[in-house]
PDB file of N, CA and C in Angstrom:
ATOM      1  N   MET A   1     -82.898 -54.093 125.644  1.00  0.00           N
ATOM      2  CA  MET A   1     -81.554 -54.117 125.106  1.00  0.00           C
ATOM      3  C   MET A   1     -81.453 -53.072 123.990  1.00  0.00           C
ATOM      4  N   PRO A   2     -80.458 -52.196 124.061  1.00  0.00           N
ATOM      5  CA  PRO A   2     -80.325 -51.170 123.033  1.00  0.00           C
ATOM      6  C   PRO A   2     -79.927 -51.775 121.684  1.00  0.00           C
ATOM      7  N   THR A   3     -80.312 -51.090 120.633  1.00  0.00           N
ATOM      8  CA  THR A   3     -79.969 -51.503 119.279  1.00  0.00           C
ATOM      9  C   THR A   3     -78.621 -50.905 118.917  1.00  0.00           C
ATOM     10  N   SER A   4     -77.861 -51.623 118.108  1.00  0.00           N
ATOM     11  CA  SER A   4     -76.538 -51.164 117.700  1.00  0.00           C
ATOM     12  C   SER A   4     -76.472 -50.994 116.186  1.00  0.00           C
ATOM     13  N   PRO A   5     -75.590 -50.104 115.718  1.00  0.00           N
ATOM     14  CA  PRO A   5     -75.418 -49.961 114.275  1.00  0.00           C
ATOM     15  C   PRO A   5     -74.943 -51.281 113.667  1.00  0.00           C
ATOM     16  N   SER A   6     -75.296 -51.496 112.399  1.00  0.00           N
ATOM     17  CA  SER A   6     -74.929 -52.749 111.741  1.00  0.00           C
ATOM     18  C   SER A   6     -74.850 -52.559 110.239  1.00  0.00           C
ATOM     19  N   LYS A   7     -73.889 -53.202 109.612  1.00  0.00           N
ATOM     20  CA  LYS A   7     -73.770 -53.179 108.155  1.00  0.00           C
ATOM     21  C   LYS A   7     -74.643 -54.246 107.502  1.00  0.00           C
ATOM     22  N   ASP A   8     -75.342 -55.059 108.305  1.00  0.00           N
ATOM     23  CA  ASP A   8     -76.178 -56.131 107.769  1.00  0.00           C
ATOM     24  C   ASP A   8     -77.491 -55.574 107.240  1.00  0.00           C
ATOM     25  N   LEU A   9     -77.726 -55.739 105.947  1.00  0.00           N
ATOM     26  CA  LEU A   9     -78.980 -55.326 105.334  1.00  0.00           C
ATOM     27  C   LEU A   9     -79.877 -56.550 105.206  1.00  0.00           C
ATOM     28  N   VAL A  10     -80.980 -56.533 105.907  1.00  0.00           N
ATOM     29  CA  VAL A  10     -81.941 -57.638 105.894  1.00  0.00           C
ATOM     30  C   VAL A  10     -82.884 -57.417 104.719  1.00  0.00           C
ATOM     31  N   THR A  11     -83.224 -58.502 104.039  1.00  0.00           N
ATOM     32  CA  THR A  11     -84.139 -58.411 102.906  1.00  0.00           C
ATOM     33  C   THR A  11     -85.422 -59.178 103.194  1.00  0.00           C
ATOM     34  N   VAL A  12     -86.481 -58.779 102.496  1.00  0.00           N
ATOM     35  CA  VAL A  12     -87.757 -59.489 102.554  1.00  0.00           C
ATOM     36  C   VAL A  12     -88.239 -59.671 101.121  1.00  0.00           C
ATOM     37  N   ALA A  13     -89.079 -60.674 100.932  1.00  0.00           N
ATOM     38  CA  ALA A  13     -89.595 -60.960  99.597  1.00  0.00           C
ATOM     39  C   ALA A  13     -90.506 -59.832  99.123  1.00  0.00           C
ATOM     40  N   ASN A  14     -90.390 -59.488  97.860  1.00  0.00           N
ATOM     41  CA  ASN A  14     -91.264 -58.508  97.231  1.00  0.00           C
ATOM     42  C   ASN A  14     -92.617 -59.172  96.987  1.00  0.00           C
ATOM     43  N   PRO A  15     -93.709 -58.658  97.550  1.00  0.00           N
ATOM     44  CA  PRO A  15     -95.008 -59.288  97.357  1.00  0.00           C
ATOM     45  C   PRO A  15     -95.581 -59.092  95.953  1.00  0.00           C
ATOM     46  N   HIS A  16     -94.962 -58.208  95.146  1.00  0.00           N
ATOM     47  CA  HIS A  16     -95.445 -57.943  93.784  1.00  0.00           C
ATOM     48  C   HIS A  16     -94.285 -57.894  92.795  1.00  0.00           C
ATOM     49  N   PRO A  17     -93.531 -58.980  92.640  1.00  0.00           N
ATOM     50  CA  PRO A  17     -92.345 -58.956  91.779  1.00  0.00           C
ATOM     51  C   PRO A  17     -92.661 -58.789  90.287  1.00  0.00           C
ATOM     52  N   GLY A  18     -93.888 -59.031  89.891  1.00  0.00           N
ATOM     53  CA  GLY A  18     -94.251 -58.889  88.483  1.00  0.00           C
ATOM     54  C   GLY A  18     -94.618 -57.469  88.074  1.00  0.00           C
ATOM     55  N   ARG A  19     -94.606 -56.543  88.995  1.00  0.00           N
ATOM     56  CA  ARG A  19     -95.019 -55.169  88.722  1.00  0.00           C
ATOM     57  C   ARG A  19     -93.880 -54.207  89.020  1.00  0.00           C
ATOM     58  N   ASP A  20     -93.677 -53.250  88.120  1.00  0.00           N
ATOM     59  CA  ASP A  20     -92.750 -52.164  88.410  1.00  0.00           C
ATOM     60  C   ASP A  20     -93.458 -51.139  89.290  1.00  0.00           C
ATOM     61  N   TYR A  21     -92.925 -50.891  90.465  1.00  0.00           N
ATOM     62  CA  TYR A  21     -93.409 -49.825  91.338  1.00  0.00           C
ATOM     63  C   TYR A  21     -92.213 -49.252  92.063  1.00  0.00           C
ATOM     64  N   GLU A  22     -92.354 -48.027  92.498  1.00  0.00           N
ATOM     65  CA  GLU A  22     -91.235 -47.319  93.100  1.00  0.00           C
ATOM     66  C   GLU A  22     -91.371 -47.266  94.615  1.00  0.00           C
ATOM     67  N   VAL A  23     -90.271 -47.527  95.279  1.00  0.00           N
ATOM     68  CA  VAL A  23     -90.183 -47.404  96.742  1.00  0.00           C
ATOM     69  C   VAL A  23     -89.259 -46.222  97.026  1.00  0.00           C
ATOM     70  N   ARG A  24     -89.711 -45.347  97.907  1.00  0.00           N
ATOM     71  CA  ARG A  24     -88.888 -44.191  98.296  1.00  0.00           C
ATOM     72  C   ARG A  24     -88.764 -44.181  99.808  1.00  0.00           C
ATOM     73  N   CYS A  25     -87.527 -44.138 100.275  1.00  0.00           N
ATOM     74  CA  CYS A  25     -87.232 -44.047 101.700  1.00  0.00           C
ATOM     75  C   CYS A  25     -86.408 -42.777 101.901  1.00  0.00           C
ATOM     76  N   GLU A  26     -86.738 -42.019 102.936  1.00  0.00           N
ATOM     77  CA  GLU A  26     -86.029 -40.767 103.187  1.00  0.00           C
ATOM     78  C   GLU A  26     -85.834 -40.593 104.686  1.00  0.00           C
ATOM     79  N   THR A  27     -84.635 -40.160 105.063  1.00  0.00           N
ATOM     80  CA  THR A  27     -84.364 -39.878 106.472  1.00  0.00           C
ATOM     81  C   THR A  27     -83.330 -38.759 106.580  1.00  0.00           C
ATOM     82  N   PRO A  28     -83.522 -37.859 107.536  1.00  0.00           N
ATOM     83  CA  PRO A  28     -82.538 -36.801 107.762  1.00  0.00           C
ATOM     84  C   PRO A  28     -81.466 -37.208 108.769  1.00  0.00           C
ATOM     85  N   GLU A  29     -81.305 -38.499 109.001  1.00  0.00           N
ATOM     86  CA  GLU A  29     -80.449 -38.963 110.089  1.00  0.00           C
ATOM     87  C   GLU A  29     -79.152 -39.640 109.655  1.00  0.00           C
ATOM     88  N   LEU A  30     -78.636 -39.303 108.475  1.00  0.00           N
ATOM     89  CA  LEU A  30     -77.355 -39.857 108.047  1.00  0.00           C
ATOM     90  C   LEU A  30     -76.237 -38.955 108.547  1.00  0.00           C
ATOM     91  N   THR A  31     -75.292 -39.541 109.247  1.00  0.00           N
ATOM     92  CA  THR A  31     -74.128 -38.783 109.707  1.00  0.00           C
ATOM     93  C   THR A  31     -72.873 -39.604 109.474  1.00  0.00           C
ATOM     94  N   CYS A  32     -71.772 -38.903 109.275  1.00  0.00           N
ATOM     95  CA  CYS A  32     -70.452 -39.528 109.214  1.00  0.00           C
ATOM     96  C   CYS A  32     -69.463 -38.470 109.690  1.00  0.00           C
ATOM     97  N   LEU A  33     -68.205 -38.815 109.662  1.00  0.00           N
ATOM     98  CA  LEU A  33     -67.174 -37.879 110.090  1.00  0.00           C
ATOM     99  C   LEU A  33     -66.370 -37.423 108.886  1.00  0.00           C
ATOM    100  N   CYS A  34     -66.018 -36.151 108.867  1.00  0.00           N
ATOM    101  CA  CYS A  34     -65.142 -35.644 107.821  1.00  0.00           C
ATOM    102  C   CYS A  34     -63.781 -36.321 107.983  1.00  0.00           C
ATOM    103  N   PRO A  35     -63.250 -36.947 106.919  1.00  0.00           N
ATOM    104  CA  PRO A  35     -61.966 -37.634 107.059  1.00  0.00           C
ATOM    105  C   PRO A  35     -60.776 -36.689 107.208  1.00  0.00           C
ATOM    106  N   VAL A  36     -60.987 -35.411 106.939  1.00  0.00           N
ATOM    107  CA  VAL A  36     -59.915 -34.432 107.061  1.00  0.00           C
ATOM    108  C   VAL A  36     -59.900 -33.812 108.458  1.00  0.00           C
ATOM    109  N   THR A  37     -61.075 -33.382 108.946  1.00  0.00           N
ATOM    110  CA  THR A  37     -61.132 -32.657 110.214  1.00  0.00           C
ATOM    111  C   THR A  37     -61.638 -33.495 111.374  1.00  0.00           C
ATOM    112  N   GLY A  38     -62.329 -34.611 111.078  1.00  0.00           N
ATOM    113  CA  GLY A  38     -62.929 -35.422 112.130  1.00  0.00           C
ATOM    114  C   GLY A  38     -64.242 -34.867 112.650  1.00  0.00           C
ATOM    115  N   GLN A  39     -64.698 -33.741 112.099  1.00  0.00           N
ATOM    116  CA  GLN A  39     -65.964 -33.154 112.532  1.00  0.00           C
ATOM    117  C   GLN A  39     -67.136 -33.898 111.893  1.00  0.00           C
ATOM    118  N   PRO A  40     -68.288 -33.897 112.550  1.00  0.00           N
ATOM    119  CA  PRO A  40     -69.437 -34.615 112.001  1.00  0.00           C
ATOM    120  C   PRO A  40     -70.050 -33.901 110.802  1.00  0.00           C
ATOM    121  N   ASP A  41     -70.494 -34.689 109.844  1.00  0.00           N
ATOM    122  CA  ASP A  41     -71.263 -34.202 108.704  1.00  0.00           C
ATOM    123  C   ASP A  41     -72.653 -34.801 108.801  1.00  0.00           C
ATOM    124  N   PHE A  42     -73.662 -34.027 108.442  1.00  0.00           N
ATOM    125  CA  PHE A  42     -75.053 -34.443 108.555  1.00  0.00           C
ATOM    126  C   PHE A  42     -75.722 -34.364 107.184  1.00  0.00           C
ATOM    127  N   ALA A  43     -76.540 -35.371 106.872  1.00  0.00           N
ATOM    128  CA  ALA A  43     -77.197 -35.382 105.565  1.00  0.00           C
ATOM    129  C   ALA A  43     -78.582 -36.008 105.652  1.00  0.00           C
ATOM    130  N   THR A  44     -79.390 -35.626 104.687  1.00  0.00           N
ATOM    131  CA  THR A  44     -80.633 -36.337 104.419  1.00  0.00           C
ATOM    132  C   THR A  44     -80.324 -37.300 103.286  1.00  0.00           C
ATOM    133  N   VAL A  45     -80.733 -38.543 103.440  1.00  0.00           N
ATOM    134  CA  VAL A  45     -80.537 -39.522 102.372  1.00  0.00           C
ATOM    135  C   VAL A  45     -81.905 -39.889 101.815  1.00  0.00           C
ATOM    136  N   VAL A  46     -81.981 -39.907 100.481  1.00  0.00           N
ATOM    137  CA  VAL A  46     -83.203 -40.290  99.776  1.00  0.00           C
ATOM    138  C   VAL A  46     -82.860 -41.494  98.909  1.00  0.00           C
ATOM    139  N   LEU A  47     -83.526 -42.589  99.187  1.00  0.00           N
ATOM    140  CA  LEU A  47     -83.317 -43.840  98.461  1.00  0.00           C
ATOM    141  C   LEU A  47     -84.584 -44.106  97.645  1.00  0.00           C
ATOM    142  N   THR A  48     -84.442 -44.252  96.339  1.00  0.00           N
ATOM    143  CA  THR A  48     -85.564 -44.546  95.464  1.00  0.00           C
ATOM    144  C   THR A  48     -85.196 -45.764  94.635  1.00  0.00           C
ATOM    145  N   TYR A  49     -86.092 -46.773  94.630  1.00  0.00           N
ATOM    146  CA  TYR A  49     -85.778 -47.952  93.834  1.00  0.00           C
ATOM    147  C   TYR A  49     -87.024 -48.654  93.324  1.00  0.00           C
ATOM    148  N   VAL A  50     -86.818 -49.392  92.242  1.00  0.00           N
ATOM    149  CA  VAL A  50     -87.829 -50.291  91.703  1.00  0.00           C
ATOM    150  C   VAL A  50     -87.340 -51.693  92.045  1.00  0.00           C
ATOM    151  N   PRO A  51     -88.033 -52.382  92.955  1.00  0.00           N
ATOM    152  CA  PRO A  51     -87.549 -53.692  93.394  1.00  0.00           C
ATOM    153  C   PRO A  51     -87.754 -54.771  92.341  1.00  0.00           C
ATOM    154  N   ASP A  52     -86.975 -55.827  92.475  1.00  0.00           N
ATOM    155  CA  ASP A  52     -87.184 -57.027  91.673  1.00  0.00           C
ATOM    156  C   ASP A  52     -87.773 -58.078  92.614  1.00  0.00           C
ATOM    157  N   GLN A  53     -86.970 -59.002  93.090  1.00  0.00           N
ATOM    158  CA  GLN A  53     -87.470 -60.066  93.966  1.00  0.00           C
ATOM    159  C   GLN A  53     -87.442 -59.710  95.448  1.00  0.00           C
ATOM    160  N   LEU A  54     -86.609 -58.724  95.806  1.00  0.00           N
ATOM    161  CA  LEU A  54     -86.399 -58.419  97.227  1.00  0.00           C
ATOM    162  C   LEU A  54     -86.618 -56.950  97.544  1.00  0.00           C
ATOM    163  N   LEU A  55     -86.989 -56.698  98.794  1.00  0.00           N
ATOM    164  CA  LEU A  55     -87.078 -55.365  99.374  1.00  0.00           C
ATOM    165  C   LEU A  55     -86.083 -55.285 100.526  1.00  0.00           C
ATOM    166  N   VAL A  56     -85.656 -54.080 100.872  1.00  0.00           N
ATOM    167  CA  VAL A  56     -84.819 -53.925 102.054  1.00  0.00           C
ATOM    168  C   VAL A  56     -85.741 -53.686 103.250  1.00  0.00           C
ATOM    169  N   GLU A  57     -85.473 -54.390 104.327  1.00  0.00           N
ATOM    170  CA  GLU A  57     -86.257 -54.240 105.551  1.00  0.00           C
ATOM    171  C   GLU A  57     -85.825 -52.924 106.213  1.00  0.00           C
ATOM    172  N   LEU A  58     -86.803 -52.116 106.621  1.00  0.00           N
ATOM    173  CA  LEU A  58     -86.524 -50.741 107.012  1.00  0.00           C
ATOM    174  C   LEU A  58     -85.711 -50.584 108.297  1.00  0.00           C
ATOM    175  N   LYS A  59     -85.924 -51.432 109.296  1.00  0.00           N
ATOM    176  CA  LYS A  59     -85.125 -51.300 110.508  1.00  0.00           C
ATOM    177  C   LYS A  59     -83.654 -51.591 110.205  1.00  0.00           C
ATOM    178  N   SER A  60     -83.403 -52.595 109.370  1.00  0.00           N
ATOM    179  CA  SER A  60     -82.008 -52.892 109.026  1.00  0.00           C
ATOM    180  C   SER A  60     -81.398 -51.744 108.227  1.00  0.00           C
ATOM    181  N   LEU A  61     -82.208 -51.061 107.398  1.00  0.00           N
ATOM    182  CA  LEU A  61     -81.716 -49.901 106.655  1.00  0.00           C
ATOM    183  C   LEU A  61     -81.331 -48.787 107.628  1.00  0.00           C
ATOM    184  N   LYS A  62     -82.160 -48.562 108.626  1.00  0.00           N
ATOM    185  CA  LYS A  62     -81.857 -47.535 109.627  1.00  0.00           C
ATOM    186  C   LYS A  62     -80.553 -47.855 110.355  1.00  0.00           C
ATOM    187  N   LEU A  63     -80.386 -49.110 110.793  1.00  0.00           N
ATOM    188  CA  LEU A  63     -79.169 -49.505 111.501  1.00  0.00           C
ATOM    189  C   LEU A  63     -77.942 -49.445 110.587  1.00  0.00           C
ATOM    190  N   TYR A  64     -78.155 -49.765 109.315  1.00  0.00           N
ATOM    191  CA  TYR A  64     -77.072 -49.679 108.324  1.00  0.00           C
ATOM    192  C   TYR A  64     -76.613 -48.221 108.189  1.00  0.00           C
ATOM    193  N   LEU A  65     -77.554 -47.305 108.003  1.00  0.00           N
ATOM    194  CA  LEU A  65     -77.191 -45.897 107.870  1.00  0.00           C
ATOM    195  C   LEU A  65     -76.520 -45.381 109.145  1.00  0.00           C
ATOM    196  N   TRP A  66     -76.980 -45.852 110.279  1.00  0.00           N
ATOM    197  CA  TRP A  66     -76.397 -45.480 111.567  1.00  0.00           C
ATOM    198  C   TRP A  66     -74.933 -45.920 111.650  1.00  0.00           C
ATOM    199  N   SER A  67     -74.566 -46.978 110.955  1.00  0.00           N
ATOM    200  CA  SER A  67     -73.203 -47.512 111.034  1.00  0.00           C
ATOM    201  C   SER A  67     -72.151 -46.557 110.467  1.00  0.00           C
ATOM    202  N   TYR A  68     -72.570 -45.558 109.715  1.00  0.00           N
ATOM    203  CA  TYR A  68     -71.617 -44.582 109.164  1.00  0.00           C
ATOM    204  C   TYR A  68     -71.239 -43.499 110.172  1.00  0.00           C
ATOM    205  N   ARG A  69     -71.950 -43.429 111.273  1.00  0.00           N
ATOM    206  CA  ARG A  69     -71.806 -42.334 112.230  1.00  0.00           C
ATOM    207  C   ARG A  69     -70.370 -42.108 112.700  1.00  0.00           C
ATOM    208  N   ASP A  70     -69.608 -43.149 112.932  1.00  0.00           N
ATOM    209  CA  ASP A  70     -68.248 -43.011 113.451  1.00  0.00           C
ATOM    210  C   ASP A  70     -67.175 -43.243 112.395  1.00  0.00           C
ATOM    211  N   GLU A  71     -67.585 -43.273 111.118  1.00  0.00           N
ATOM    212  CA  GLU A  71     -66.623 -43.502 110.040  1.00  0.00           C
ATOM    213  C   GLU A  71     -66.224 -42.184 109.393  1.00  0.00           C
ATOM    214  N   GLY A  72     -64.961 -42.084 109.073  1.00  0.00           N
ATOM    215  CA  GLY A  72     -64.492 -40.945 108.298  1.00  0.00           C
ATOM    216  C   GLY A  72     -64.644 -41.255 106.824  1.00  0.00           C
ATOM    217  N   ALA A  73     -65.406 -40.429 106.102  1.00  0.00           N
ATOM    218  CA  ALA A  73     -65.629 -40.677 104.679  1.00  0.00           C
ATOM    219  C   ALA A  73     -66.070 -39.398 103.990  1.00  0.00           C
ATOM    220  N   PHE A  74     -65.682 -39.259 102.747  1.00  0.00           N
ATOM    221  CA  PHE A  74     -66.145 -38.139 101.945  1.00  0.00           C
ATOM    222  C   PHE A  74     -67.579 -38.386 101.506  1.00  0.00           C
ATOM    223  N   HIS A  75     -68.317 -37.325 101.257  1.00  0.00           N
ATOM    224  CA  HIS A  75     -69.726 -37.413 100.879  1.00  0.00           C
ATOM    225  C   HIS A  75     -69.943 -38.317  99.662  1.00  0.00           C
ATOM    226  N   GLU A  76     -69.076 -38.164  98.677  1.00  0.00           N
ATOM    227  CA  GLU A  76     -69.202 -38.948  97.446  1.00  0.00           C
ATOM    228  C   GLU A  76     -69.009 -40.434  97.715  1.00  0.00           C
ATOM    229  N   ASP A  77     -68.082 -40.750  98.601  1.00  0.00           N
ATOM    230  CA  ASP A  77     -67.811 -42.142  98.934  1.00  0.00           C
ATOM    231  C   ASP A  77     -68.983 -42.765  99.680  1.00  0.00           C
ATOM    232  N   VAL A  78     -69.512 -42.063 100.664  1.00  0.00           N
ATOM    233  CA  VAL A  78     -70.642 -42.586 101.436  1.00  0.00           C
ATOM    234  C   VAL A  78     -71.813 -42.892 100.506  1.00  0.00           C
ATOM    235  N   THR A  79     -72.134 -41.961  99.633  1.00  0.00           N
ATOM    236  CA  THR A  79     -73.274 -42.131  98.728  1.00  0.00           C
ATOM    237  C   THR A  79     -73.090 -43.346  97.836  1.00  0.00           C
ATOM    238  N   ASN A  80     -71.919 -43.491  97.248  1.00  0.00           N
ATOM    239  CA  ASN A  80     -71.664 -44.623  96.350  1.00  0.00           C
ATOM    240  C   ASN A  80     -71.581 -45.949  97.092  1.00  0.00           C
ATOM    241  N   ARG A  81     -71.072 -45.949  98.312  1.00  0.00           N
ATOM    242  CA  ARG A  81     -71.040 -47.182  99.104  1.00  0.00           C
ATOM    243  C   ARG A  81     -72.437 -47.632  99.490  1.00  0.00           C
ATOM    244  N   ILE A  82     -73.306 -46.677  99.842  1.00  0.00           N
ATOM    245  CA  ILE A  82     -74.687 -47.035 100.152  1.00  0.00           C
ATOM    246  C   ILE A  82     -75.337 -47.679  98.935  1.00  0.00           C
ATOM    247  N   LEU A  83     -75.170 -47.064  97.765  1.00  0.00           N
ATOM    248  CA  LEU A  83     -75.738 -47.629  96.544  1.00  0.00           C
ATOM    249  C   LEU A  83     -75.183 -49.028  96.289  1.00  0.00           C
ATOM    250  N   ASP A  84     -73.880 -49.196  96.342  1.00  0.00           N
ATOM    251  CA  ASP A  84     -73.261 -50.504  96.077  1.00  0.00           C
ATOM    252  C   ASP A  84     -73.767 -51.575  97.038  1.00  0.00           C
ATOM    253  N   ASP A  85     -73.849 -51.242  98.313  1.00  0.00           N
ATOM    254  CA  ASP A  85     -74.290 -52.225  99.305  1.00  0.00           C
ATOM    255  C   ASP A  85     -75.756 -52.615  99.113  1.00  0.00           C
ATOM    256  N   LEU A  86     -76.601 -51.639  98.813  1.00  0.00           N
ATOM    257  CA  LEU A  86     -78.015 -51.942  98.595  1.00  0.00           C
ATOM    258  C   LEU A  86     -78.233 -52.739  97.313  1.00  0.00           C
ATOM    259  N   VAL A  87     -77.527 -52.392  96.253  1.00  0.00           N
ATOM    260  CA  VAL A  87     -77.645 -53.153  95.000  1.00  0.00           C
ATOM    261  C   VAL A  87     -77.184 -54.591  95.233  1.00  0.00           C
ATOM    262  N   ALA A  88     -76.093 -54.775  95.962  1.00  0.00           N
ATOM    263  CA  ALA A  88     -75.611 -56.131  96.256  1.00  0.00           C
ATOM    264  C   ALA A  88     -76.623 -56.918  97.090  1.00  0.00           C
ATOM    265  N   ALA A  89     -77.331 -56.244  97.987  1.00  0.00           N
ATOM    266  CA  ALA A  89     -78.264 -56.932  98.888  1.00  0.00           C
ATOM    267  C   ALA A  89     -79.579 -57.293  98.211  1.00  0.00           C
ATOM    268  N   ILE A  90     -80.141 -56.378  97.392  1.00  0.00           N
ATOM    269  CA  ILE A  90     -81.501 -56.625  96.891  1.00  0.00           C
ATOM    270  C   ILE A  90     -81.616 -56.712  95.364  1.00  0.00           C
ATOM    271  N   SER A  91     -80.561 -56.443  94.627  1.00  0.00           N
ATOM    272  CA  SER A  91     -80.579 -56.514  93.150  1.00  0.00           C
ATOM    273  C   SER A  91     -81.821 -55.844  92.554  1.00  0.00           C
ATOM    274  N   PRO A  92     -81.998 -54.547  92.789  1.00  0.00           N
ATOM    275  CA  PRO A  92     -83.181 -53.864  92.272  1.00  0.00           C
ATOM    276  C   PRO A  92     -83.111 -53.690  90.754  1.00  0.00           C
ATOM    277  N   ARG A  93     -84.257 -53.459  90.148  1.00  0.00           N
ATOM    278  CA  ARG A  93     -84.288 -53.153  88.721  1.00  0.00           C
ATOM    279  C   ARG A  93     -83.630 -51.802  88.461  1.00  0.00           C
ATOM    280  N   ARG A  94     -83.919 -50.840  89.327  1.00  0.00           N
ATOM    281  CA  ARG A  94     -83.315 -49.511  89.263  1.00  0.00           C
ATOM    282  C   ARG A  94     -83.189 -48.991  90.683  1.00  0.00           C
ATOM    283  N   MET A  95     -82.183 -48.141  90.893  1.00  0.00           N
ATOM    284  CA  MET A  95     -82.022 -47.531  92.215  1.00  0.00           C
ATOM    285  C   MET A  95     -81.253 -46.226  92.092  1.00  0.00           C
ATOM    286  N   THR A  96     -81.673 -45.244  92.874  1.00  0.00           N
ATOM    287  CA  THR A  96     -80.937 -43.992  92.995  1.00  0.00           C
ATOM    288  C   THR A  96     -80.794 -43.676  94.479  1.00  0.00           C
ATOM    289  N   VAL A  97     -79.590 -43.302  94.866  1.00  0.00           N
ATOM    290  CA  VAL A  97     -79.317 -42.829  96.223  1.00  0.00           C
ATOM    291  C   VAL A  97     -78.863 -41.389  96.101  1.00  0.00           C
ATOM    292  N   GLN A  98     -79.551 -40.514  96.816  1.00  0.00           N
ATOM    293  CA  GLN A  98     -79.182 -39.104  96.829  1.00  0.00           C
ATOM    294  C   GLN A  98     -78.929 -38.688  98.270  1.00  0.00           C
ATOM    295  N   THR A  99     -77.814 -38.006  98.484  1.00  0.00           N
ATOM    296  CA  THR A  99     -77.507 -37.470  99.803  1.00  0.00           C
ATOM    297  C   THR A  99     -77.434 -35.960  99.698  1.00  0.00           C
ATOM    298  N   LEU A 100     -78.134 -35.303 100.601  1.00  0.00           N
ATOM    299  CA  LEU A 100     -78.163 -33.840 100.655  1.00  0.00           C
ATOM    300  C   LEU A 100     -77.481 -33.428 101.952  1.00  0.00           C
ATOM    301  N   TRP A 101     -76.257 -32.952 101.833  1.00  0.00           N
ATOM    302  CA  TRP A 101     -75.416 -32.671 102.999  1.00  0.00           C
ATOM    303  C   TRP A 101     -75.633 -31.252 103.497  1.00  0.00           C
ATOM    304  N   ASN A 102     -75.696 -31.093 104.813  1.00  0.00           N
ATOM    305  CA  ASN A 102     -75.862 -29.773 105.418  1.00  0.00           C
ATOM    306  C   ASN A 102     -74.669 -28.891 105.081  1.00  0.00           C
ATOM    307  N   VAL A 103     -74.879 -27.611 105.206  1.00  0.00           N
ATOM    308  CA  VAL A 103     -73.841 -26.636 104.878  1.00  0.00           C
ATOM    309  C   VAL A 103     -72.600 -26.882 105.718  1.00  0.00           C
ATOM    310  N   ARG A 104     -71.470 -26.888 105.047  1.00  0.00           N
ATOM    311  CA  ARG A 104     -70.164 -27.011 105.709  1.00  0.00           C
ATOM    312  C   ARG A 104     -69.237 -26.032 105.001  1.00  0.00           C
ATOM    313  N   GLY A 105     -68.710 -25.069 105.721  1.00  0.00           N
ATOM    314  CA  GLY A 105     -67.818 -24.080 105.110  1.00  0.00           C
ATOM    315  C   GLY A 105     -68.521 -23.231 104.066  1.00  0.00           C
ATOM    316  N   GLY A 106     -69.830 -23.042 104.228  1.00  0.00           N
ATOM    317  CA  GLY A 106     -70.589 -22.223 103.296  1.00  0.00           C
ATOM    318  C   GLY A 106     -71.022 -22.953 102.032  1.00  0.00           C
ATOM    319  N   ILE A 107     -70.794 -24.266 101.963  1.00  0.00           N
ATOM    320  CA  ILE A 107     -71.124 -25.036 100.765  1.00  0.00           C
ATOM    321  C   ILE A 107     -72.072 -26.169 101.111  1.00  0.00           C
ATOM    322  N   THR A 108     -73.163 -26.240 100.361  1.00  0.00           N
ATOM    323  CA  THR A 108     -74.080 -27.376 100.470  1.00  0.00           C
ATOM    324  C   THR A 108     -73.728 -28.353  99.360  1.00  0.00           C
ATOM    325  N   THR A 109     -73.666 -29.629  99.676  1.00  0.00           N
ATOM    326  CA  THR A 109     -73.328 -30.642  98.688  1.00  0.00           C
ATOM    327  C   THR A 109     -74.472 -31.633  98.539  1.00  0.00           C
ATOM    328  N   THR A 110     -74.812 -31.948  97.289  1.00  0.00           N
ATOM    329  CA  THR A 110     -75.773 -33.006  96.985  1.00  0.00           C
ATOM    330  C   THR A 110     -75.059 -33.995  96.071  1.00  0.00           C
ATOM    331  N   VAL A 111     -75.120 -35.273  96.444  1.00  0.00           N
ATOM    332  CA  VAL A 111     -74.494 -36.326  95.650  1.00  0.00           C
ATOM    333  C   VAL A 111     -75.578 -37.315  95.245  1.00  0.00           C
ATOM    334  N   THR A 112     -75.613 -37.661  93.947  1.00  0.00           N
ATOM    335  CA  THR A 112     -76.586 -38.608  93.421  1.00  0.00           C
ATOM    336  C   THR A 112     -75.845 -39.720  92.699  1.00  0.00           C
ATOM    337  N   ALA A 113     -76.149 -40.965  93.073  1.00  0.00           N
ATOM    338  CA  ALA A 113     -75.565 -42.139  92.417  1.00  0.00           C
ATOM    339  C   ALA A 113     -76.703 -43.061  91.999  1.00  0.00           C
ATOM    340  N   SER A 114     -76.607 -43.653  90.790  1.00  0.00           N
ATOM    341  CA  SER A 114     -77.690 -44.470  90.267  1.00  0.00           C
ATOM    342  C   SER A 114     -77.213 -45.812  89.734  1.00  0.00           C
ATOM    343  N   HIS A 115     -78.140 -46.759  89.739  1.00  0.00           N
ATOM    344  CA  HIS A 115     -77.939 -48.096  89.173  1.00  0.00           C
ATOM    345  C   HIS A 115     -79.152 -48.407  88.315  1.00  0.00           C
ATOM    346  N   PRO A 116     -79.094 -48.933  87.140  1.00  0.00           N
ATOM    347  CA  PRO A 116     -77.864 -49.260  86.419  1.00  0.00           C
ATOM    348  C   PRO A 116     -77.203 -48.036  85.850  1.00  0.00           C
TER     349      PRO A 116
END
């Protein structure tokens, strides 16, 4: 059975909640649609966080990022929505989401959003 995109972020217990350590997840597979032209935009997303009680399960993160593929959204909005959704799901001590968007119209865009 094929897997489908999903906004559901699955969490797992942090096996070391008493220690500050950094988790970094990176994928070049973030895509969405330009809300003005409808053309696809492609980005690498870098997620860095210090967990508290919960971690994000990686397959659910992949499916979550995949869910943006058919949505029209500006780069800044996508980046901030990813941060908001992940903070709501896992309540990390710290988190940064950075999106590095491929060249569009001769301009490369990088958006960084952080919590707290």
